[in-house]
Amino acid sequence: MNTDTIKGKLNEAKGAVKKGIGKATDDPALELEGRADQAKGKAQQVKGHLKDAVRDATR
């Protein structure tokens, strides 16, 4: 596991919290920001998994 994967998981969790708070407080902007953070986190995780796959394939 590399730093991209870890950062991605953290961003995804942060986004889930923001989205939940946005829903609870009826704040669509915060909910949208949370969704964006979740998407960013998922993309970072994919990048991390690809890096791991390339590293493993070149061993």
C-alpha atoms as a PDB file:
ATOM      1  CA  MET A   1       0.000   0.000   0.000  1.00  0.00           C
ATOM      2  CA  ASN A   2       1.406   3.392  -0.930  1.00  0.00           C
ATOM      3  CA  THR A   3       0.675   6.965   0.096  1.00  0.00           C
ATOM      4  CA  ASP A   4      -1.823   7.537  -2.733  1.00  0.00           C
ATOM      5  CA  THR A   5      -3.986   4.703  -1.463  1.00  0.00           C
ATOM      6  CA  ILE A   6      -3.837   5.974   2.115  1.00  0.00           C
ATOM      7  CA  LYS A   7      -4.566   9.585   1.126  1.00  0.00           C
ATOM      8  CA  GLY A   8      -7.435   8.346  -1.016  1.00  0.00           C
ATOM      9  CA  LYS A   9      -9.010   6.475   1.873  1.00  0.00           C
ATOM     10  CA  LEU A  10      -8.696   9.564   4.078  1.00  0.00           C
ATOM     11  CA  ASN A  11     -10.245  11.842   1.453  1.00  0.00           C
ATOM     12  CA  GLU A  12     -13.073   9.386   0.902  1.00  0.00           C
ATOM     13  CA  ALA A  13     -13.781   9.250   4.645  1.00  0.00           C
ATOM     14  CA  LYS A  14     -13.595  13.046   4.934  1.00  0.00           C
ATOM     15  CA  GLY A  15     -16.059  13.308   2.050  1.00  0.00           C
ATOM     16  CA  ALA A  16     -18.469  10.890   3.675  1.00  0.00           C
ATOM     17  CA  VAL A  17     -18.461  12.975   6.851  1.00  0.00           C
ATOM     18  CA  LYS A  18     -19.026  16.225   4.935  1.00  0.00           C
ATOM     19  CA  LYS A  19     -21.808  14.637   2.896  1.00  0.00           C
ATOM     20  CA  GLY A  20     -23.501  13.352   6.047  1.00  0.00           C
ATOM     21  CA  ILE A  21     -23.264  16.711   7.795  1.00  0.00           C
ATOM     22  CA  GLY A  22     -24.548  18.426   4.660  1.00  0.00           C
ATOM     23  CA  LYS A  23     -27.577  16.138   4.572  1.00  0.00           C
ATOM     24  CA  ALA A  24     -28.226  16.529   8.299  1.00  0.00           C
ATOM     25  CA  THR A  25     -28.029  20.317   8.183  1.00  0.00           C
ATOM     26  CA  ASP A  26     -29.781  20.620   4.818  1.00  0.00           C
ATOM     27  CA  ASP A  27     -26.690  22.257   3.290  1.00  0.00           C
ATOM     28  CA  PRO A  28     -26.522  21.188  -0.377  1.00  0.00           C
ATOM     29  CA  ALA A  29     -23.166  22.930  -0.932  1.00  0.00           C
ATOM     30  CA  LEU A  30     -21.499  20.948   1.864  1.00  0.00           C
ATOM     31  CA  GLU A  31     -23.118  17.741   0.660  1.00  0.00           C
ATOM     32  CA  LEU A  32     -21.797  18.396  -2.860  1.00  0.00           C
ATOM     33  CA  GLU A  33     -18.335  19.171  -1.476  1.00  0.00           C
ATOM     34  CA  GLY A  34     -18.440  15.863   0.367  1.00  0.00           C
ATOM     35  CA  ARG A  35     -19.360  13.988  -2.786  1.00  0.00           C
ATOM     36  CA  ALA A  36     -16.460  15.675  -4.601  1.00  0.00           C
ATOM     37  CA  ASP A  37     -14.045  14.676  -1.828  1.00  0.00           C
ATOM     38  CA  GLN A  38     -15.295  11.101  -2.027  1.00  0.00           C
ATOM     39  CA  ALA A  39     -14.746  11.017  -5.792  1.00  0.00           C
ATOM     40  CA  LYS A  40     -11.260  12.481  -5.358  1.00  0.00           C
ATOM     41  CA  GLY A  41     -10.489   9.846  -2.752  1.00  0.00           C
ATOM     42  CA  LYS A  42     -11.652   7.005  -4.968  1.00  0.00           C
ATOM     43  CA  ALA A  43      -9.514   8.326  -7.839  1.00  0.00           C
ATOM     44  CA  GLN A  44      -6.478   8.530  -5.552  1.00  0.00           C
ATOM     45  CA  GLN A  45      -7.054   4.951  -4.448  1.00  0.00           C
ATOM     46  CA  VAL A  46      -7.219   3.764  -8.062  1.00  0.00           C
ATOM     47  CA  LYS A  47      -3.955   5.595  -8.764  1.00  0.00           C
ATOM     48  CA  GLY A  48      -2.388   3.909  -5.759  1.00  0.00           C
ATOM     49  CA  HIS A  49      -3.590   0.473  -6.803  1.00  0.00           C
ATOM     50  CA  LEU A  50      -2.215   1.010 -10.301  1.00  0.00           C
ATOM     51  CA  LYS A  51       1.162   2.029  -8.899  1.00  0.00           C
ATOM     52  CA  ASP A  52       1.186  -1.110  -6.763  1.00  0.00           C
ATOM     53  CA  ALA A  53       0.273  -3.280  -9.743  1.00  0.00           C
ATOM     54  CA  VAL A  54       3.039  -1.792 -11.881  1.00  0.00           C
ATOM     55  CA  ARG A  55       5.560  -2.205  -9.085  1.00  0.00           C
ATOM     56  CA  ASP A  56       4.524  -5.836  -8.563  1.00  0.00           C
ATOM     57  CA  ALA A  57       4.618  -6.582 -12.288  1.00  0.00           C
ATOM     58  CA  THR A  58       8.149  -5.256 -12.668  1.00  0.00           C
ATOM     59  CA  ARG A  59       9.573  -7.427  -9.882  1.00  0.00           C
END
